[in-house]
Amino acid sequence: MSIICSNFARQNCKTTEKYTIMRRILFIALLCAVTLSSFGQSSGFEKLDEWTKIWKEGQQTYFGYPANQESALQDFYEWYVRTGMDRVNLNNAGDPMTDEPWNMSTQAFEREVIEFFAPLYGFEKNDVWGIVTHSGTDGNNHGIYFGATDLYNRTKQLPIVYVSDEAHYSNMRLCDLQHLDLRLVKTDPMGRMIPEELEKVLDPKRPALIVYAMGSTFKGAIDDIEALNAVLAKHPEMEVYRHVDAALFGGYLPFTKYQKMVSSKDMHFESIAVSGHKFFGIDSPSGLFLCTRKVYDNQANFNVTYLNSNMKMINCSRDAVQPLKFWWLIRKVGYDEWCKQANRMLDCTAYLEQELKKIGWPCWRNEYSNTVFFKRPSKEICQKYNLALGYNEAFGGELAHIVVMQHVNRAKIDGFIKELKGIGYPF
């Protein structure tokens, strides 16, 4: 095919400049043709092809879970295969924030990612440490581990961990994994940790490790960090470490007028975990973990000579491709576009809530949240729109929720509302 293109160009272009332009046009046309012909081709595995068909059909009505279905990584993969990087085994074993990162890694790019996000979460560039994590849970694992180690090194006591009873279950599991004492703090009906309940269960004789929920799993509740910090301030004798579990909300809030809510400078937390596979649209689990340099320096030392690094993080081997994806998206999408996406999401969330109320469908939403929960519709609608299900007696029992991500636009919301109106009211 390339020979035909070349001969055609020579016969029809008299100048070198025209020949070059024609070659480029033909190359692009050929690339498009190959791409289009490849799309939809069989993999040779019937089960895989059937799964792909089902997933592609359901992708645009994937409303119940916090995944951005408009990923901007297609050209990343084209570059990745074209350059042969898909045949290179990379491993980010080591500390990306050192002056001499390991050559056969993407740690130099990982460091740039951390330095880009640091000011968005209120960290100074010269007073931050971080890594690209395997997931939000990996980030929380680091937050709890770093917090417990920091407090123990300061007090020679292991802390008590305080978490709201509606926070993501990973926080409870991680406390069990790390053999830490855990106290669940009661929440209000909307899922926010109650300051007075924190006061009740606090034990000032031991250090406190607080995990703040920046978006609870089902209701999208945000703990009132300032009010909870005020409770902790009543006990100046108690050493405190604050970690923020901001898996979803930490993605979009920095790009809105509510940026202060995820700012270490304003909210006085020591570390934060954010997911990469939610708002940012990375196509497999990943995330960010950031903390102050002071916290990092107070971790246990594990100097590894063959890595030329002090391995204070939990993981040894770490994914080297995810930092490249983050780095790529920073340059391809970037701050301004993320601002537009974040504010469009919140606008569509308000629109969804408004339209549900218009038809008299009971629904609720926390402030700053892109999650609307409501009385559960029919099984058929729940399945078609991949709705996440919940149950709460305070709101009448069976519930479902929609997480308004980038692909959940007004037109799709209108279609959803039309179907709800068509089935009547099952409650």
Protein backbone atom coordinates (compact mmCIF):
# COMPACT_ATOMS: atom_id res chain seq x y z
CA MET A 1 0.00 0.00 0.00
CA SER A 2 2.83 2.41 0.87
CA ILE A 3 4.48 1.73 -2.54
CA ILE A 4 1.23 2.55 -4.35
CA CYS A 5 0.89 5.77 -2.34
CA SER A 6 4.50 6.70 -3.12
CA ASN A 7 4.13 6.09 -6.89
CA PHE A 8 0.84 8.01 -6.98
CA ALA A 9 2.49 10.96 -5.25
CA ARG A 10 5.47 10.99 -7.65
CA GLN A 11 3.23 10.93 -10.70
CA ASN A 12 0.99 13.75 -9.52
CA CYS A 13 3.38 16.12 -7.74
CA LYS A 14 6.00 18.07 -9.69
CA THR A 15 7.74 19.81 -6.82
CA THR A 16 9.40 18.47 -3.70
CA GLU A 17 7.12 20.55 -1.49
CA LYS A 18 3.95 19.30 -3.17
CA TYR A 19 5.29 15.75 -3.08
CA THR A 20 5.91 16.03 0.69
CA ILE A 21 2.43 17.44 1.33
CA MET A 22 0.81 14.72 -0.80
CA ARG A 23 2.76 12.01 1.03
CA ARG A 24 1.56 13.34 4.37
CA ILE A 25 -2.07 13.48 3.21
CA LEU A 26 -1.89 9.95 1.86
CA PHE A 27 -0.21 8.68 5.02
CA ILE A 28 -2.95 10.19 7.20
CA ALA A 29 -5.61 8.72 4.91
CA LEU A 30 -3.95 5.32 5.10
CA LEU A 31 -3.70 5.52 8.89
CA CYS A 32 -7.39 6.43 9.13
CA ALA A 33 -8.34 3.58 6.82
CA VAL A 34 -6.36 1.06 8.88
CA THR A 35 -7.87 2.39 12.10
CA LEU A 36 -11.42 2.23 10.75
CA SER A 37 -10.94 -1.23 9.30
CA SER A 38 -9.48 -2.49 12.59
CA PHE A 39 -12.32 -1.07 14.68
CA GLY A 40 -14.89 -3.73 15.31
CA GLN A 41 -12.73 -6.58 14.03
CA SER A 42 -12.96 -9.89 15.83
CA SER A 43 -10.28 -10.66 18.38
CA GLY A 44 -10.54 -14.33 17.49
CA PHE A 45 -12.03 -15.06 20.91
CA GLU A 46 -15.83 -15.27 20.90
CA LYS A 47 -16.20 -14.69 24.65
CA LEU A 48 -14.02 -11.57 24.52
CA ASP A 49 -15.85 -10.16 21.50
CA GLU A 50 -19.23 -10.65 23.20
CA TRP A 51 -18.01 -8.95 26.36
CA THR A 52 -16.65 -6.03 24.32
CA LYS A 53 -19.99 -5.58 22.55
CA ILE A 54 -21.91 -5.56 25.84
CA TRP A 55 -19.51 -3.09 27.44
CA LYS A 56 -19.51 -0.68 24.50
CA GLU A 57 -23.31 -0.69 24.41
CA GLY A 58 -23.55 0.03 28.13
CA GLN A 59 -20.74 2.57 28.34
CA GLN A 60 -22.85 5.64 27.62
CA THR A 61 -25.49 4.79 30.24
CA TYR A 62 -22.94 3.96 32.94
CA PHE A 63 -24.47 6.34 35.49
CA GLY A 64 -24.03 4.71 38.89
CA TYR A 65 -20.28 4.69 39.35
CA PRO A 66 -17.59 7.40 39.37
CA ALA A 67 -15.80 6.63 36.11
CA ASN A 68 -15.12 9.19 33.40
CA GLN A 69 -16.16 7.41 30.18
CA GLU A 70 -14.59 10.10 27.98
CA SER A 71 -10.97 9.13 28.42
CA ALA A 72 -8.47 11.17 26.39
CA LEU A 73 -5.85 8.42 26.05
CA GLN A 74 -6.35 7.09 22.52
CA ASP A 75 -3.38 8.96 21.09
CA PHE A 76 -1.33 7.93 24.13
CA TYR A 77 -1.78 4.28 23.15
CA GLU A 78 -1.00 5.08 19.50
CA TRP A 79 2.28 6.64 20.64
CA TYR A 80 2.92 3.79 23.08
CA VAL A 81 2.66 1.10 20.38
CA ARG A 82 4.23 3.15 17.58
CA THR A 83 7.41 3.76 19.60
CA GLY A 84 7.66 0.18 20.82
CA MET A 85 7.24 1.17 24.46
CA ASP A 86 4.67 -1.63 24.77
CA ARG A 87 7.65 -4.01 24.53
CA VAL A 88 9.68 -2.31 27.27
CA ASN A 89 9.44 -3.55 30.86
CA LEU A 90 9.45 -0.51 33.14
CA ASN A 91 9.23 -0.45 36.93
CA ASN A 92 9.06 2.61 39.16
CA ALA A 93 10.83 0.92 42.06
CA GLY A 94 12.26 3.75 44.11
CA ASP A 95 11.53 7.26 45.26
CA PRO A 96 10.47 9.63 42.44
CA MET A 97 11.26 12.69 44.53
CA THR A 98 15.01 11.99 44.71
CA ASP A 99 17.49 14.01 42.67
CA GLU A 100 18.61 10.95 40.71
CA PRO A 101 15.62 8.75 39.82
CA TRP A 102 16.28 5.31 38.40
CA ASN A 103 16.86 5.51 34.63
CA MET A 104 14.77 2.49 33.60
CA SER A 105 11.62 4.00 35.02
CA THR A 106 9.24 6.91 34.51
CA GLN A 107 10.03 8.48 37.86
CA ALA A 108 11.15 11.77 36.29
CA PHE A 109 7.65 12.10 34.80
CA GLU A 110 6.07 10.93 38.06
CA ARG A 111 7.85 13.72 39.90
CA GLU A 112 6.52 16.30 37.42
CA VAL A 113 3.00 14.95 38.02
CA ILE A 114 3.38 15.39 41.80
CA GLU A 115 4.79 18.89 41.34
CA PHE A 116 1.86 19.85 39.08
CA PHE A 117 -0.76 18.69 41.58
CA ALA A 118 1.00 19.83 44.78
CA PRO A 119 -0.20 23.47 44.69
CA LEU A 120 -3.73 22.36 43.72
CA TYR A 121 -3.89 20.54 47.07
CA GLY A 122 -2.27 23.36 49.01
CA PHE A 123 1.25 21.91 49.30
CA GLU A 124 4.38 23.93 48.68
CA LYS A 125 6.56 22.47 45.94
CA ASN A 126 9.57 22.44 48.27
CA ASP A 127 7.56 20.83 51.07
CA VAL A 128 5.76 17.93 49.44
CA TRP A 129 6.38 14.26 48.83
CA GLY A 130 4.25 11.99 46.70
CA ILE A 131 3.81 9.06 44.36
CA VAL A 132 1.40 7.87 41.70
CA THR A 133 -0.44 5.02 43.40
CA HIS A 134 -2.12 1.82 42.25
CA SER A 135 -5.55 3.10 43.39
CA GLY A 136 -7.38 5.25 45.92
CA THR A 137 -7.10 2.41 48.41
CA ASP A 138 -3.34 2.34 47.92
CA GLY A 139 -3.32 6.07 48.67
CA ASN A 140 -5.36 5.53 51.84
CA ASN A 141 -3.04 2.71 52.84
CA HIS A 142 -0.12 5.11 52.61
CA GLY A 143 -2.04 7.81 54.47
CA ILE A 144 -2.88 5.52 57.39
CA TYR A 145 0.58 3.91 57.45
CA PHE A 146 2.44 7.22 57.20
CA GLY A 147 0.13 8.75 59.80
CA ALA A 148 0.53 5.89 62.27
CA THR A 149 4.33 5.87 61.83
CA ASP A 150 4.59 9.64 62.16
CA LEU A 151 2.51 9.65 65.36
CA TYR A 152 4.38 6.70 66.85
CA ASN A 153 7.76 8.33 66.17
CA ARG A 154 6.49 11.49 67.87
CA THR A 155 4.79 9.90 70.88
CA LYS A 156 5.99 6.27 71.12
CA GLN A 157 2.31 5.30 71.07
CA LEU A 158 0.24 3.82 68.29
CA PRO A 159 -2.75 6.03 67.45
CA ILE A 160 -6.46 5.42 67.49
CA VAL A 161 -7.94 5.86 64.01
CA TYR A 162 -11.23 7.80 63.77
CA VAL A 163 -13.33 7.35 60.61
CA SER A 164 -16.96 8.15 59.84
CA ASP A 165 -19.31 5.17 59.65
CA GLU A 166 -20.17 6.12 56.03
CA ALA A 167 -16.62 6.50 54.76
CA HIS A 168 -15.28 4.12 52.13
CA TYR A 169 -14.91 0.61 53.51
CA SER A 170 -11.22 0.48 52.52
CA ASN A 171 -10.36 2.68 55.49
CA MET A 172 -11.84 0.15 57.92
CA ARG A 173 -10.15 -2.75 56.15
CA LEU A 174 -6.77 -0.99 56.13
CA CYS A 175 -6.95 -0.39 59.88
CA ASP A 176 -7.57 -4.11 60.31
CA LEU A 177 -4.66 -4.88 57.97
CA GLN A 178 -2.32 -2.61 59.93
CA HIS A 179 -3.63 -3.82 63.34
CA LEU A 180 -4.68 -0.31 64.40
CA ASP A 181 -7.43 0.52 66.87
CA LEU A 182 -10.43 1.90 65.00
CA ARG A 183 -13.36 3.96 66.23
CA LEU A 184 -16.25 4.63 63.90
CA VAL A 185 -17.84 8.04 64.32
CA LYS A 186 -21.58 8.49 63.79
CA THR A 187 -22.78 10.54 60.86
CA ASP A 188 -25.79 12.77 60.27
CA PRO A 189 -28.58 11.63 57.88
CA MET A 190 -26.68 13.02 54.88
CA GLY A 191 -23.57 11.00 55.75
CA ARG A 192 -21.29 13.65 57.31
CA MET A 193 -19.24 12.94 60.44
CA ILE A 194 -20.90 14.65 63.42
CA PRO A 195 -18.41 16.83 65.36
CA GLU A 196 -20.14 16.17 68.71
CA GLU A 197 -19.91 12.42 68.08
CA LEU A 198 -16.20 12.72 67.42
CA GLU A 199 -15.86 14.56 70.73
CA LYS A 200 -17.65 11.70 72.50
CA VAL A 201 -15.36 8.94 71.26
CA LEU A 202 -12.04 10.81 71.39
CA ASP A 203 -9.40 9.47 73.77
CA PRO A 204 -6.99 12.39 74.32
CA LYS A 205 -4.55 10.11 76.15
CA ARG A 206 -3.53 8.57 72.83
CA PRO A 207 -2.59 10.17 69.52
CA ALA A 208 -5.40 10.56 67.00
CA LEU A 209 -5.28 9.63 63.32
CA ILE A 210 -8.32 11.18 61.62
CA VAL A 211 -9.46 10.05 58.18
CA TYR A 212 -11.72 12.67 56.65
CA ALA A 213 -14.18 11.56 53.95
CA MET A 214 -14.10 13.97 51.03
CA GLY A 215 -17.11 12.30 49.45
CA SER A 216 -18.68 9.28 51.14
CA THR A 217 -19.32 6.20 49.03
CA PHE A 218 -23.08 6.35 48.45
CA LYS A 219 -24.37 9.77 49.49
CA GLY A 220 -21.37 11.81 48.39
CA ALA A 221 -21.00 13.39 51.83
CA ILE A 222 -18.10 15.68 52.67
CA ASP A 223 -16.96 15.81 56.28
CA ASP A 224 -16.86 19.35 57.68
CA ILE A 225 -13.11 19.46 58.22
CA GLU A 226 -13.07 22.91 59.82
CA ALA A 227 -15.71 21.93 62.42
CA LEU A 228 -13.94 18.65 63.14
CA ASN A 229 -10.57 20.40 63.43
CA ALA A 230 -12.17 22.69 66.02
CA VAL A 231 -13.03 19.64 68.11
CA LEU A 232 -9.43 18.40 67.91
CA ALA A 233 -8.14 21.85 68.86
CA LYS A 234 -9.86 21.49 72.25
CA HIS A 235 -7.21 18.91 73.12
CA PRO A 236 -3.83 20.56 72.56
CA GLU A 237 -2.16 17.79 74.57
CA MET A 238 -3.17 15.23 71.91
CA GLU A 239 -0.94 14.66 68.87
CA VAL A 240 -2.99 14.53 65.66
CA TYR A 241 -2.50 13.39 62.07
CA ARG A 242 -5.14 14.20 59.44
CA HIS A 243 -5.53 12.22 56.22
CA VAL A 244 -8.13 13.05 53.55
CA ASP A 245 -9.74 10.30 51.51
CA ALA A 246 -10.64 12.38 48.44
CA ALA A 247 -10.83 9.63 45.83
CA LEU A 248 -13.47 11.19 43.55
CA PHE A 249 -13.99 14.68 44.93
CA GLY A 250 -10.27 15.36 45.07
CA GLY A 251 -10.31 15.06 41.30
CA TYR A 252 -12.75 17.83 40.45
CA LEU A 253 -12.86 20.16 43.49
CA PRO A 254 -9.41 21.72 42.81
CA PHE A 255 -10.80 22.97 39.49
CA THR A 256 -13.79 24.75 41.03
CA LYS A 257 -14.39 27.69 43.33
CA TYR A 258 -14.37 25.15 46.19
CA GLN A 259 -10.64 24.44 45.83
CA LYS A 260 -10.07 25.50 49.44
CA MET A 261 -11.83 22.33 50.62
CA VAL A 262 -8.98 20.14 49.38
CA SER A 263 -6.19 22.52 50.38
CA SER A 264 -3.71 21.38 53.02
CA LYS A 265 -2.89 25.02 53.67
CA ASP A 266 -6.52 25.86 54.51
CA MET A 267 -7.74 22.58 56.03
CA HIS A 268 -4.50 21.66 57.82
CA PHE A 269 -4.28 18.03 56.79
CA GLU A 270 -1.00 16.16 56.46
CA SER A 271 -1.83 13.88 53.52
CA ILE A 272 -4.40 13.24 50.80
CA ALA A 273 -5.33 10.37 48.47
CA VAL A 274 -6.99 10.98 45.08
CA SER A 275 -8.06 8.54 42.36
CA GLY A 276 -6.81 8.81 38.79
CA HIS A 277 -9.41 6.49 37.25
CA LYS A 278 -12.37 8.64 38.26
CA PHE A 279 -12.41 12.32 37.26
CA PHE A 280 -9.15 12.24 35.29
CA GLY A 281 -10.29 9.37 33.08
CA ILE A 282 -7.28 7.08 33.37
CA ASP A 283 -8.56 3.77 32.07
CA SER A 284 -7.47 1.51 34.94
CA PRO A 285 -7.11 1.98 38.72
CA SER A 286 -4.51 4.55 39.73
CA GLY A 287 -4.20 7.57 41.97
CA LEU A 288 -2.10 10.13 43.78
CA PHE A 289 -0.76 10.25 47.32
CA LEU A 290 0.71 13.49 48.63
CA CYS A 291 1.98 14.45 52.07
CA THR A 292 4.20 17.05 53.65
CA ARG A 293 7.94 16.52 53.49
CA LYS A 294 8.04 16.59 57.28
CA VAL A 295 5.76 13.56 57.44
CA TYR A 296 7.81 11.70 54.85
CA ASP A 297 11.06 12.45 56.67
CA ASN A 298 9.57 10.99 59.85
CA GLN A 299 8.99 7.56 58.27
CA ALA A 300 11.06 4.43 58.89
CA ASN A 301 14.30 4.28 56.92
CA PHE A 302 14.80 1.43 54.42
CA ASN A 303 17.88 2.32 52.43
CA VAL A 304 18.17 0.07 49.37
CA THR A 305 21.59 0.32 47.77
CA TYR A 306 20.70 -1.32 44.44
CA LEU A 307 17.94 1.26 43.94
CA ASN A 308 20.05 4.14 45.26
CA SER A 309 17.03 5.11 47.29
CA ASN A 310 15.45 5.23 50.72
CA MET A 311 12.32 3.12 50.26
CA LYS A 312 9.87 4.66 52.70
CA MET A 313 6.76 3.96 50.63
CA ILE A 314 4.86 0.69 51.09
CA ASN A 315 5.24 -0.70 47.57
CA CYS A 316 8.51 -1.72 45.99
CA SER A 317 7.45 -2.34 42.39
CA ARG A 318 5.09 0.36 41.15
CA ASP A 319 3.34 0.83 37.82
CA ALA A 320 5.48 2.94 35.51
CA VAL A 321 2.81 3.48 32.83
CA GLN A 322 0.24 5.27 35.03
CA PRO A 323 2.58 8.24 35.71
CA LEU A 324 3.02 8.58 31.94
CA LYS A 325 -0.76 8.67 31.49
CA PHE A 326 -1.11 11.34 34.19
CA TRP A 327 1.72 13.35 32.59
CA TRP A 328 0.12 12.97 29.14
CA LEU A 329 -3.29 14.13 30.38
CA ILE A 330 -1.79 17.17 32.13
CA ARG A 331 -0.48 18.28 28.75
CA LYS A 332 -3.34 17.10 26.54
CA VAL A 333 -6.28 18.13 28.75
CA GLY A 334 -4.72 20.47 31.28
CA TYR A 335 -5.90 22.85 33.96
CA ASP A 336 -8.26 25.04 31.93
CA GLU A 337 -10.13 22.13 30.35
CA TRP A 338 -10.40 20.33 33.70
CA CYS A 339 -11.95 23.51 35.12
CA LYS A 340 -14.58 23.43 32.35
CA GLN A 341 -15.27 19.74 32.90
CA ALA A 342 -15.57 20.07 36.68
CA ASN A 343 -17.99 22.98 36.52
CA ARG A 344 -20.01 21.32 33.75
CA MET A 345 -20.34 18.22 35.96
CA LEU A 346 -21.65 20.27 38.88
CA ASP A 347 -24.04 22.10 36.56
CA CYS A 348 -25.41 18.79 35.25
CA THR A 349 -25.69 17.48 38.81
CA ALA A 350 -27.87 20.43 39.79
CA TYR A 351 -29.88 19.86 36.59
CA LEU A 352 -30.44 16.18 37.44
CA GLU A 353 -31.62 17.08 40.94
CA GLN A 354 -33.92 19.77 39.54
CA GLU A 355 -35.46 17.45 36.92
CA LEU A 356 -36.06 14.67 39.46
CA LYS A 357 -37.86 17.12 41.74
CA LYS A 358 -39.92 18.41 38.80
CA ILE A 359 -41.49 14.99 38.34
CA GLY A 360 -41.89 14.53 42.08
CA TRP A 361 -39.22 11.83 42.44
CA PRO A 362 -37.70 11.96 45.96
CA CYS A 363 -34.00 12.78 45.70
CA TRP A 364 -31.17 14.25 47.78
CA ARG A 365 -27.73 15.74 47.19
CA ASN A 366 -24.93 16.93 49.44
CA GLU A 367 -23.43 20.36 48.86
CA TYR A 368 -20.43 20.40 46.49
CA SER A 369 -21.28 16.83 45.44
CA ASN A 370 -21.70 15.37 41.95
CA THR A 371 -23.76 12.49 43.41
CA VAL A 372 -27.57 12.47 43.54
CA PHE A 373 -29.28 9.66 45.45
CA PHE A 374 -32.99 8.93 45.09
CA LYS A 375 -35.77 6.43 45.56
CA ARG A 376 -34.87 3.29 43.65
CA PRO A 377 -36.64 2.87 40.28
CA SER A 378 -37.47 -0.40 38.52
CA LYS A 379 -34.97 -3.21 38.16
CA GLU A 380 -34.92 -2.67 34.39
CA ILE A 381 -33.89 0.98 34.70
CA CYS A 382 -31.31 0.16 37.37
CA GLN A 383 -29.75 -2.40 35.05
CA LYS A 384 -29.87 -0.25 31.92
CA TYR A 385 -28.20 2.70 33.65
CA ASN A 386 -25.86 0.63 35.84
CA LEU A 387 -27.18 2.36 38.95
CA ALA A 388 -25.44 1.72 42.26
CA LEU A 389 -27.92 0.54 44.88
CA GLY A 390 -28.25 1.43 48.56
CA TYR A 391 -30.64 1.12 51.47
CA ASN A 392 -31.43 3.62 54.20
CA GLU A 393 -34.52 3.64 56.39
CA ALA A 394 -34.20 7.38 57.00
CA PHE A 395 -34.86 7.99 53.29
CA GLY A 396 -37.61 5.42 52.86
CA GLY A 397 -35.61 2.24 52.28
CA GLU A 398 -34.45 1.22 48.81
CA LEU A 399 -32.27 3.81 47.05
CA ALA A 400 -30.09 4.25 44.00
CA HIS A 401 -27.65 6.95 43.00
CA ILE A 402 -26.16 8.60 39.94
CA VAL A 403 -22.62 9.96 39.91
CA VAL A 404 -22.55 12.72 37.31
CA MET A 405 -19.27 12.31 35.44
CA GLN A 406 -18.13 13.94 32.19
CA HIS A 407 -20.20 11.64 29.94
CA VAL A 408 -23.45 12.23 31.89
CA ASN A 409 -24.69 15.30 30.04
CA ARG A 410 -28.08 17.05 29.98
CA ALA A 411 -29.33 15.12 26.96
CA LYS A 412 -28.65 11.80 28.67
CA ILE A 413 -30.25 13.08 31.87
CA ASP A 414 -33.35 14.02 29.84
CA GLY A 415 -33.50 10.47 28.49
CA PHE A 416 -33.24 9.05 31.98
CA ILE A 417 -35.98 11.34 33.32
CA LYS A 418 -38.24 10.43 30.38
CA GLU A 419 -37.90 6.74 31.25
CA LEU A 420 -38.66 7.44 34.92
CA LYS A 421 -41.82 9.30 33.94
CA GLY A 422 -42.82 6.42 31.73
CA ILE A 423 -42.86 3.85 34.51
CA GLY A 424 -44.89 5.90 36.99
CA TYR A 425 -44.06 5.97 40.67
CA PRO A 426 -43.29 2.61 42.34
CA PHE A 427 -43.43 3.99 45.88
